[in-house]
Amino acid sequence: MEYAIVSVPAAPVRRKPLHRKEMVNQLLFGETVKVLKTRDPLWVKVRSLHDNYEGWMTNTLLAEIDEATANTMSVYAAAGLLNEITMSDKKMNIPAGSSLPFFENSKGKLGNDEYEFKGNYCKPYEQQPSEELVKQLALPWLNAPYLWGGRTPLGVDCSGFVQVIFKLMGIDLPRDAWQQAQEGKTVKKFKDALPGDLAFFDNKEDIVHVGILLGNDQIIHSSGKVKIDTISKRGLIDAATGKKILSLQLIRRIW
């Protein structure tokens, strides 16, 4: 197996090839990978083709495909929080941001299997990013629990949340917050920040957190759960307690 596609709703990607090792990422249905290494009959080290992120996963979560198929961009993506799909006469629910390979008229093909999709979908690369679209995509995630490495409404970390929301707007971002902080251009003055800008926070040294500005000094982010807090020049302020949580390092404008 040299190239593969995720055939389950969300596939855990681990730092090392053991189930008990840290989950560093999730890959969503329809996302593609290059297989870098095989460890015993079960584990493969992969590089996801949309962001070059590497990690270990089990081959039971993948379907083998050829290189051309792996590099064929999916025009459509699932837009509802959870969306019903039927593949090989079996139903499952795939999360927002899942890719819909070779999709047309409610049907598509994943590897050698055909599937039928019922739910909301969009053409991410035809979206026009805007303040309204950011709110439309991000607000339904409120109260999704924080999960290290997660990228779904059933569990998501800060940078995974940002990555999926921006994917649905047709903008491909790297996986981790420190990588995302290198995208776009810096907003030099806090007063010039706009809804949809990304705010990055540090722990006195490294960037450790990211969220999406909503306007009116509000930010939506995943910390404990997806929630809306306050942001100022000082940093991230817990809306419930009024206490500063993290220091603001920089704001980046992506579009």
C-alpha atoms as a PDB file:
ATOM      1  CA  MET A   1       0.000   0.000   0.000  1.00  0.00           C
ATOM      2  CA  GLU A   2       1.564   3.272  -1.146  1.00  0.00           C
ATOM      3  CA  TYR A   3      -1.444   5.598  -1.087  1.00  0.00           C
ATOM      4  CA  ALA A   4      -4.699   5.291   0.827  1.00  0.00           C
ATOM      5  CA  ILE A   5      -7.930   7.083   1.705  1.00  0.00           C
ATOM      6  CA  VAL A   6      -9.722   7.246   5.062  1.00  0.00           C
ATOM      7  CA  SER A   7     -12.815   5.003   4.961  1.00  0.00           C
ATOM      8  CA  VAL A   8     -14.202   5.659   8.478  1.00  0.00           C
ATOM      9  CA  PRO A   9     -15.759   8.843   9.960  1.00  0.00           C
ATOM     10  CA  ALA A  10     -12.611   9.884  11.861  1.00  0.00           C
ATOM     11  CA  ALA A  11      -9.369   7.935  12.080  1.00  0.00           C
ATOM     12  CA  PRO A  12      -6.982   8.433  15.031  1.00  0.00           C
ATOM     13  CA  VAL A  13      -3.376   9.173  14.131  1.00  0.00           C
ATOM     14  CA  ARG A  14      -0.883   8.374  16.888  1.00  0.00           C
ATOM     15  CA  ARG A  15       2.645   9.469  17.705  1.00  0.00           C
ATOM     16  CA  LYS A  16       3.837   5.850  17.841  1.00  0.00           C
ATOM     17  CA  PRO A  17       2.399   2.564  16.503  1.00  0.00           C
ATOM     18  CA  LEU A  18       0.499   1.497  19.622  1.00  0.00           C
ATOM     19  CA  HIS A  19      -3.154   2.069  20.545  1.00  0.00           C
ATOM     20  CA  ARG A  20      -2.210   3.419  23.966  1.00  0.00           C
ATOM     21  CA  LYS A  21       0.147   6.052  22.547  1.00  0.00           C
ATOM     22  CA  GLU A  22      -0.793   9.731  22.209  1.00  0.00           C
ATOM     23  CA  MET A  23      -3.333  10.654  19.526  1.00  0.00           C
ATOM     24  CA  VAL A  24      -1.788  13.616  17.715  1.00  0.00           C
ATOM     25  CA  ASN A  25      -4.352  14.000  14.946  1.00  0.00           C
ATOM     26  CA  GLN A  26      -7.497  12.680  13.329  1.00  0.00           C
ATOM     27  CA  LEU A  27      -8.041  12.211   9.619  1.00  0.00           C
ATOM     28  CA  LEU A  28     -11.583  12.569   8.342  1.00  0.00           C
ATOM     29  CA  PHE A  29     -13.526  10.455   5.881  1.00  0.00           C
ATOM     30  CA  GLY A  30     -12.240  10.950   2.337  1.00  0.00           C
ATOM     31  CA  GLU A  31      -8.894  12.503   3.260  1.00  0.00           C
ATOM     32  CA  THR A  32      -5.901  10.897   1.585  1.00  0.00           C
ATOM     33  CA  VAL A  33      -2.451   9.815   2.749  1.00  0.00           C
ATOM     34  CA  LYS A  34       0.888   8.601   1.471  1.00  0.00           C
ATOM     35  CA  VAL A  35       2.085   5.495   3.303  1.00  0.00           C
ATOM     36  CA  LEU A  36       5.674   6.016   4.446  1.00  0.00           C
ATOM     37  CA  LYS A  37       6.398   2.895   6.471  1.00  0.00           C
ATOM     38  CA  THR A  38       4.769  -0.363   7.595  1.00  0.00           C
ATOM     39  CA  ARG A  39       5.123  -1.852  11.076  1.00  0.00           C
ATOM     40  CA  ASP A  40       3.813  -5.439  11.423  1.00  0.00           C
ATOM     41  CA  PRO A  41       0.553  -6.348   9.625  1.00  0.00           C
ATOM     42  CA  LEU A  42      -1.489  -3.571  11.283  1.00  0.00           C
ATOM     43  CA  TRP A  43       0.331  -0.257  11.634  1.00  0.00           C
ATOM     44  CA  VAL A  44       1.361   2.194   8.917  1.00  0.00           C
ATOM     45  CA  LYS A  45       3.119   5.529   9.164  1.00  0.00           C
ATOM     46  CA  VAL A  46       1.356   8.058   6.948  1.00  0.00           C
ATOM     47  CA  ARG A  47       1.704  11.612   5.692  1.00  0.00           C
ATOM     48  CA  SER A  48      -1.636  13.320   5.062  1.00  0.00           C
ATOM     49  CA  LEU A  49      -1.633  14.901   1.625  1.00  0.00           C
ATOM     50  CA  HIS A  50      -3.610  18.032   2.549  1.00  0.00           C
ATOM     51  CA  ASP A  51      -1.206  19.257   5.247  1.00  0.00           C
ATOM     52  CA  ASN A  52       1.835  16.899   5.235  1.00  0.00           C
ATOM     53  CA  TYR A  53       1.223  15.897   8.875  1.00  0.00           C
ATOM     54  CA  GLU A  54       2.751  12.563   9.840  1.00  0.00           C
ATOM     55  CA  GLY A  55       1.801   9.872  12.312  1.00  0.00           C
ATOM     56  CA  TRP A  56       0.847   6.237  12.800  1.00  0.00           C
ATOM     57  CA  MET A  57      -2.532   4.644  12.169  1.00  0.00           C
ATOM     58  CA  THR A  58      -3.977   1.184  11.602  1.00  0.00           C
ATOM     59  CA  ASN A  59      -4.561   0.053   8.030  1.00  0.00           C
ATOM     60  CA  THR A  60      -8.081  -1.087   9.023  1.00  0.00           C
ATOM     61  CA  LEU A  61      -9.152   2.572   8.753  1.00  0.00           C
ATOM     62  CA  LEU A  62      -7.894   2.976   5.198  1.00  0.00           C
ATOM     63  CA  ALA A  63      -8.705   1.854   1.664  1.00  0.00           C
ATOM     64  CA  GLU A  64      -5.889   1.478  -0.844  1.00  0.00           C
ATOM     65  CA  ILE A  65      -5.920   3.815  -3.844  1.00  0.00           C
ATOM     66  CA  ASP A  66      -3.476   4.779  -6.600  1.00  0.00           C
ATOM     67  CA  GLU A  67      -1.387   7.946  -6.650  1.00  0.00           C
ATOM     68  CA  ALA A  68      -3.566   9.747  -9.214  1.00  0.00           C
ATOM     69  CA  THR A  69      -6.697   9.134  -7.151  1.00  0.00           C
ATOM     70  CA  ALA A  70      -4.933  10.216  -3.966  1.00  0.00           C
ATOM     71  CA  ASN A  71      -3.957  13.529  -5.552  1.00  0.00           C
ATOM     72  CA  THR A  72      -7.391  14.216  -7.047  1.00  0.00           C
ATOM     73  CA  MET A  73      -8.884  17.051  -5.036  1.00  0.00           C
ATOM     74  CA  SER A  74     -12.392  16.469  -3.692  1.00  0.00           C
ATOM     75  CA  VAL A  75     -14.651  19.248  -4.959  1.00  0.00           C
ATOM     76  CA  TYR A  76     -17.239  18.709  -2.217  1.00  0.00           C
ATOM     77  CA  ALA A  77     -17.103  18.434   1.575  1.00  0.00           C
ATOM     78  CA  ALA A  78     -19.647  17.504   4.229  1.00  0.00           C
ATOM     79  CA  ALA A  79     -21.003  20.682   5.827  1.00  0.00           C
ATOM     80  CA  GLY A  80     -23.423  19.429   8.492  1.00  0.00           C
ATOM     81  CA  LEU A  81     -22.036  18.598  11.927  1.00  0.00           C
ATOM     82  CA  LEU A  82     -22.865  14.917  11.325  1.00  0.00           C
ATOM     83  CA  ASN A  83     -23.963  13.519   7.963  1.00  0.00           C
ATOM     84  CA  GLU A  84     -25.361  10.115   7.026  1.00  0.00           C
ATOM     85  CA  ILE A  85     -23.499   8.083   4.458  1.00  0.00           C
ATOM     86  CA  THR A  86     -24.119   4.564   3.178  1.00  0.00           C
ATOM     87  CA  MET A  87     -21.196   2.515   1.863  1.00  0.00           C
ATOM     88  CA  SER A  88     -21.256  -1.210   1.096  1.00  0.00           C
ATOM     89  CA  ASP A  89     -24.838  -1.265   2.443  1.00  0.00           C
ATOM     90  CA  LYS A  90     -23.599  -0.026   5.831  1.00  0.00           C
ATOM     91  CA  LYS A  91     -24.577   3.334   7.290  1.00  0.00           C
ATOM     92  CA  MET A  92     -22.332   5.666   9.259  1.00  0.00           C
ATOM     93  CA  ASN A  93     -22.231   9.334  10.202  1.00  0.00           C
ATOM     94  CA  ILE A  94     -19.310  11.397   8.959  1.00  0.00           C
ATOM     95  CA  PRO A  95     -18.348  14.737  10.526  1.00  0.00           C
ATOM     96  CA  ALA A  96     -18.187  18.259   9.152  1.00  0.00           C
ATOM     97  CA  GLY A  97     -15.140  18.793   6.980  1.00  0.00           C
ATOM     98  CA  SER A  98     -15.062  15.249   5.610  1.00  0.00           C
ATOM     99  CA  SER A  99     -14.086  15.131   1.952  1.00  0.00           C
ATOM    100  CA  LEU A 100     -16.537  13.651  -0.549  1.00  0.00           C
ATOM    101  CA  PRO A 101     -14.408  12.049  -3.275  1.00  0.00           C
ATOM    102  CA  PHE A 102     -15.818  11.797  -6.809  1.00  0.00           C
ATOM    103  CA  PHE A 103     -19.202  13.034  -5.551  1.00  0.00           C
ATOM    104  CA  GLU A 104     -22.110  13.935  -7.808  1.00  0.00           C
ATOM    105  CA  ASN A 105     -25.891  13.758  -7.457  1.00  0.00           C
ATOM    106  CA  SER A 106     -25.746  12.348  -3.898  1.00  0.00           C
ATOM    107  CA  LYS A 107     -23.371   9.521  -4.869  1.00  0.00           C
ATOM    108  CA  GLY A 108     -19.615   9.090  -4.978  1.00  0.00           C
ATOM    109  CA  LYS A 109     -16.755   6.628  -4.961  1.00  0.00           C
ATOM    110  CA  LEU A 110     -14.175   5.926  -2.276  1.00  0.00           C
ATOM    111  CA  GLY A 111     -11.490   3.550  -3.510  1.00  0.00           C
ATOM    112  CA  ASN A 112     -13.371   0.603  -4.991  1.00  0.00           C
ATOM    113  CA  ASP A 113     -16.541   1.286  -2.999  1.00  0.00           C
ATOM    114  CA  GLU A 114     -19.485   3.433  -3.988  1.00  0.00           C
ATOM    115  CA  TYR A 115     -21.277   5.497  -1.371  1.00  0.00           C
ATOM    116  CA  GLU A 116     -24.485   7.474  -1.026  1.00  0.00           C
ATOM    117  CA  PHE A 117     -24.498  10.702   0.956  1.00  0.00           C
ATOM    118  CA  LYS A 118     -27.430  12.284   2.769  1.00  0.00           C
ATOM    119  CA  GLY A 119     -26.771  15.611   4.406  1.00  0.00           C
ATOM    120  CA  ASN A 120     -25.528  19.120   3.835  1.00  0.00           C
ATOM    121  CA  TYR A 121     -22.498  19.631   1.642  1.00  0.00           C
ATOM    122  CA  CYS A 122     -20.627  22.490   0.050  1.00  0.00           C
ATOM    123  CA  LYS A 123     -17.969  23.302  -2.514  1.00  0.00           C
ATOM    124  CA  PRO A 124     -15.258  24.740  -0.226  1.00  0.00           C
ATOM    125  CA  TYR A 125     -13.130  26.212  -3.009  1.00  0.00           C
ATOM    126  CA  GLU A 126     -16.110  28.165  -4.351  1.00  0.00           C
ATOM    127  CA  GLN A 127     -16.871  29.690  -0.956  1.00  0.00           C
ATOM    128  CA  GLN A 128     -16.234  33.384  -0.405  1.00  0.00           C
ATOM    129  CA  PRO A 129     -14.721  33.717   3.086  1.00  0.00           C
ATOM    130  CA  SER A 130     -16.539  36.364   5.131  1.00  0.00           C
ATOM    131  CA  GLU A 131     -17.492  37.331   8.681  1.00  0.00           C
ATOM    132  CA  GLU A 132     -20.933  35.827   8.143  1.00  0.00           C
ATOM    133  CA  LEU A 133     -19.571  32.553   6.756  1.00  0.00           C
ATOM    134  CA  VAL A 134     -17.144  32.197   9.690  1.00  0.00           C
ATOM    135  CA  LYS A 135     -20.041  32.508  12.141  1.00  0.00           C
ATOM    136  CA  GLN A 136     -22.255  30.187  10.113  1.00  0.00           C
ATOM    137  CA  LEU A 137     -19.595  27.461  10.145  1.00  0.00           C
ATOM    138  CA  ALA A 138     -18.111  27.940  13.623  1.00  0.00           C
ATOM    139  CA  LEU A 139     -21.043  28.679  15.954  1.00  0.00           C
ATOM    140  CA  PRO A 140     -22.722  25.243  15.573  1.00  0.00           C
ATOM    141  CA  TRP A 141     -19.566  23.748  17.175  1.00  0.00           C
ATOM    142  CA  LEU A 142     -20.219  25.493  20.507  1.00  0.00           C
ATOM    143  CA  ASN A 143     -19.868  23.075  23.451  1.00  0.00           C
ATOM    144  CA  ALA A 144     -18.007  20.453  21.395  1.00  0.00           C
ATOM    145  CA  PRO A 145     -15.654  18.873  23.964  1.00  0.00           C
ATOM    146  CA  TYR A 146     -11.926  19.515  23.839  1.00  0.00           C
ATOM    147  CA  LEU A 147      -9.966  16.489  22.627  1.00  0.00           C
ATOM    148  CA  TRP A 148      -6.199  16.550  22.070  1.00  0.00           C
ATOM    149  CA  GLY A 149      -5.654  15.713  18.398  1.00  0.00           C
ATOM    150  CA  GLY A 150      -9.383  15.873  17.608  1.00  0.00           C
ATOM    151  CA  ARG A 151     -10.949  17.380  14.478  1.00  0.00           C
ATOM    152  CA  THR A 152     -14.663  16.576  14.867  1.00  0.00           C
ATOM    153  CA  PRO A 153     -17.677  18.123  16.683  1.00  0.00           C
ATOM    154  CA  LEU A 154     -17.500  15.155  19.081  1.00  0.00           C
ATOM    155  CA  GLY A 155     -14.005  16.135  20.181  1.00  0.00           C
ATOM    156  CA  VAL A 156     -11.679  18.822  18.846  1.00  0.00           C
ATOM    157  CA  ASP A 157      -8.529  20.696  19.837  1.00  0.00           C
ATOM    158  CA  CYS A 158      -7.871  24.381  19.180  1.00  0.00           C
ATOM    159  CA  SER A 159      -5.929  24.071  15.936  1.00  0.00           C
ATOM    160  CA  GLY A 160      -8.061  21.178  14.666  1.00  0.00           C
ATOM    161  CA  PHE A 161     -11.141  23.387  15.065  1.00  0.00           C
ATOM    162  CA  VAL A 162      -9.503  26.212  13.123  1.00  0.00           C
ATOM    163  CA  GLN A 163      -8.239  23.858  10.418  1.00  0.00           C
ATOM    164  CA  VAL A 164     -11.650  22.282   9.726  1.00  0.00           C
ATOM    165  CA  ILE A 165     -13.542  25.610   9.738  1.00  0.00           C
ATOM    166  CA  PHE A 166     -11.057  27.060   7.264  1.00  0.00           C
ATOM    167  CA  LYS A 167     -11.128  23.885   5.151  1.00  0.00           C
ATOM    168  CA  LEU A 168     -14.876  24.442   4.710  1.00  0.00           C
ATOM    169  CA  MET A 169     -14.072  27.946   3.436  1.00  0.00           C
ATOM    170  CA  GLY A 170     -11.649  26.537   0.873  1.00  0.00           C
ATOM    171  CA  ILE A 171      -8.510  27.515   2.811  1.00  0.00           C
ATOM    172  CA  ASP A 172      -6.000  24.762   3.581  1.00  0.00           C
ATOM    173  CA  LEU A 173      -4.095  25.412   6.810  1.00  0.00           C
ATOM    174  CA  PRO A 174      -1.373  23.369   8.517  1.00  0.00           C
ATOM    175  CA  ARG A 175      -2.350  21.181  11.477  1.00  0.00           C
ATOM    176  CA  ASP A 176      -0.720  22.771  14.542  1.00  0.00           C
ATOM    177  CA  ALA A 177      -1.175  26.260  15.989  1.00  0.00           C
ATOM    178  CA  TRP A 178       2.510  27.214  15.661  1.00  0.00           C
ATOM    179  CA  GLN A 179       2.382  26.236  11.976  1.00  0.00           C
ATOM    180  CA  GLN A 180      -0.853  28.156  11.387  1.00  0.00           C
ATOM    181  CA  ALA A 181       0.808  31.234  12.919  1.00  0.00           C
ATOM    182  CA  GLN A 182       3.093  31.365   9.878  1.00  0.00           C
ATOM    183  CA  GLU A 183       0.201  31.642   7.409  1.00  0.00           C
ATOM    184  CA  GLY A 184      -1.275  34.879   6.031  1.00  0.00           C
ATOM    185  CA  LYS A 185      -0.024  38.268   7.194  1.00  0.00           C
ATOM    186  CA  THR A 186       0.370  39.868  10.609  1.00  0.00           C
ATOM    187  CA  VAL A 187      -2.203  42.378  11.866  1.00  0.00           C
ATOM    188  CA  LYS A 188       0.084  44.864  13.589  1.00  0.00           C
ATOM    189  CA  LYS A 189      -2.443  46.693  15.763  1.00  0.00           C
ATOM    190  CA  PHE A 190      -5.140  45.009  17.849  1.00  0.00           C
ATOM    191  CA  LYS A 191      -7.673  47.680  16.887  1.00  0.00           C
ATOM    192  CA  ASP A 192      -7.244  46.712  13.222  1.00  0.00           C
ATOM    193  CA  ALA A 193      -8.225  43.058  13.774  1.00  0.00           C
ATOM    194  CA  LEU A 194     -11.284  41.811  11.909  1.00  0.00           C
ATOM    195  CA  PRO A 195     -13.716  38.893  12.332  1.00  0.00           C
ATOM    196  CA  GLY A 196     -12.152  35.778  10.802  1.00  0.00           C
ATOM    197  CA  ASP A 197      -8.608  36.735  11.805  1.00  0.00           C
ATOM    198  CA  LEU A 198      -6.705  34.123  13.828  1.00  0.00           C
ATOM    199  CA  ALA A 199      -5.380  35.038  17.269  1.00  0.00           C
ATOM    200  CA  PHE A 200      -2.396  33.131  18.680  1.00  0.00           C
ATOM    201  CA  PHE A 201      -1.453  32.880  22.335  1.00  0.00           C
ATOM    202  CA  ASP A 202       1.705  31.848  24.160  1.00  0.00           C
ATOM    203  CA  ASN A 203       2.826  30.548  27.535  1.00  0.00           C
ATOM    204  CA  LYS A 204       5.681  33.102  27.753  1.00  0.00           C
ATOM    205  CA  GLU A 205       7.643  31.126  25.173  1.00  0.00           C
ATOM    206  CA  ASP A 206       5.895  29.013  22.544  1.00  0.00           C
ATOM    207  CA  ILE A 207       2.576  29.436  20.753  1.00  0.00           C
ATOM    208  CA  VAL A 208       0.201  27.040  22.489  1.00  0.00           C
ATOM    209  CA  HIS A 209      -3.288  28.156  21.450  1.00  0.00           C
ATOM    210  CA  VAL A 210      -5.313  29.602  18.567  1.00  0.00           C
ATOM    211  CA  GLY A 211      -8.835  30.898  18.088  1.00  0.00           C
ATOM    212  CA  ILE A 212     -10.993  32.690  15.515  1.00  0.00           C
ATOM    213  CA  LEU A 213     -12.002  36.312  16.101  1.00  0.00           C
ATOM    214  CA  LEU A 214     -15.737  36.992  15.881  1.00  0.00           C
ATOM    215  CA  GLY A 215     -15.768  40.773  16.358  1.00  0.00           C
ATOM    216  CA  ASN A 216     -16.765  42.914  19.364  1.00  0.00           C
ATOM    217  CA  ASP A 217     -13.663  41.616  21.167  1.00  0.00           C
ATOM    218  CA  GLN A 218     -15.010  38.067  21.082  1.00  0.00           C
ATOM    219  CA  ILE A 219     -13.160  34.910  20.090  1.00  0.00           C
ATOM    220  CA  ILE A 220     -14.386  31.369  19.476  1.00  0.00           C
ATOM    221  CA  HIS A 221     -11.922  28.645  20.390  1.00  0.00           C
ATOM    222  CA  SER A 222     -11.594  25.134  21.806  1.00  0.00           C
ATOM    223  CA  SER A 223     -10.411  25.195  25.421  1.00  0.00           C
ATOM    224  CA  GLY A 224     -12.141  22.672  27.650  1.00  0.00           C
ATOM    225  CA  LYS A 225     -14.880  22.896  25.040  1.00  0.00           C
ATOM    226  CA  VAL A 226     -15.619  25.119  22.064  1.00  0.00           C
ATOM    227  CA  LYS A 227     -16.736  28.421  23.584  1.00  0.00           C
ATOM    228  CA  ILE A 228     -16.770  32.162  23.126  1.00  0.00           C
ATOM    229  CA  ASP A 229     -14.487  34.251  25.328  1.00  0.00           C
ATOM    230  CA  THR A 230     -13.177  37.811  25.354  1.00  0.00           C
ATOM    231  CA  ILE A 231      -9.939  38.991  23.773  1.00  0.00           C
ATOM    232  CA  SER A 232      -7.982  42.171  24.444  1.00  0.00           C
ATOM    233  CA  LYS A 233      -4.475  43.464  23.833  1.00  0.00           C
ATOM    234  CA  ARG A 234      -3.564  41.754  27.114  1.00  0.00           C
ATOM    235  CA  GLY A 235      -4.657  38.361  25.900  1.00  0.00           C
ATOM    236  CA  LEU A 236      -7.412  35.783  26.247  1.00  0.00           C
ATOM    237  CA  ILE A 237      -9.953  36.606  28.972  1.00  0.00           C
ATOM    238  CA  ASP A 238     -12.293  33.999  30.450  1.00  0.00           C
ATOM    239  CA  ALA A 239     -15.782  35.427  29.853  1.00  0.00           C
ATOM    240  CA  ALA A 240     -17.126  33.771  33.006  1.00  0.00           C
ATOM    241  CA  THR A 241     -14.446  34.916  35.477  1.00  0.00           C
ATOM    242  CA  GLY A 242     -12.900  37.946  33.780  1.00  0.00           C
ATOM    243  CA  LYS A 243      -9.443  36.496  34.407  1.00  0.00           C
ATOM    244  CA  LYS A 244      -6.670  36.433  31.812  1.00  0.00           C
ATOM    245  CA  ILE A 245      -5.892  32.896  30.641  1.00  0.00           C
ATOM    246  CA  LEU A 246      -3.118  33.374  28.091  1.00  0.00           C
ATOM    247  CA  SER A 247      -1.086  36.226  26.632  1.00  0.00           C
ATOM    248  CA  LEU A 248      -1.752  37.343  23.072  1.00  0.00           C
ATOM    249  CA  GLN A 249       1.293  36.859  20.858  1.00  0.00           C
ATOM    250  CA  LEU A 250       0.031  37.835  17.417  1.00  0.00           C
ATOM    251  CA  ILE A 251      -2.953  38.068  15.079  1.00  0.00           C
ATOM    252  CA  ARG A 252      -2.787  36.781  11.507  1.00  0.00           C
ATOM    253  CA  ARG A 253      -5.111  37.572   8.602  1.00  0.00           C
ATOM    254  CA  ILE A 254      -5.500  34.518   6.390  1.00  0.00           C
ATOM    255  CA  TRP A 255      -7.627  35.895   3.568  1.00  0.00           C
END
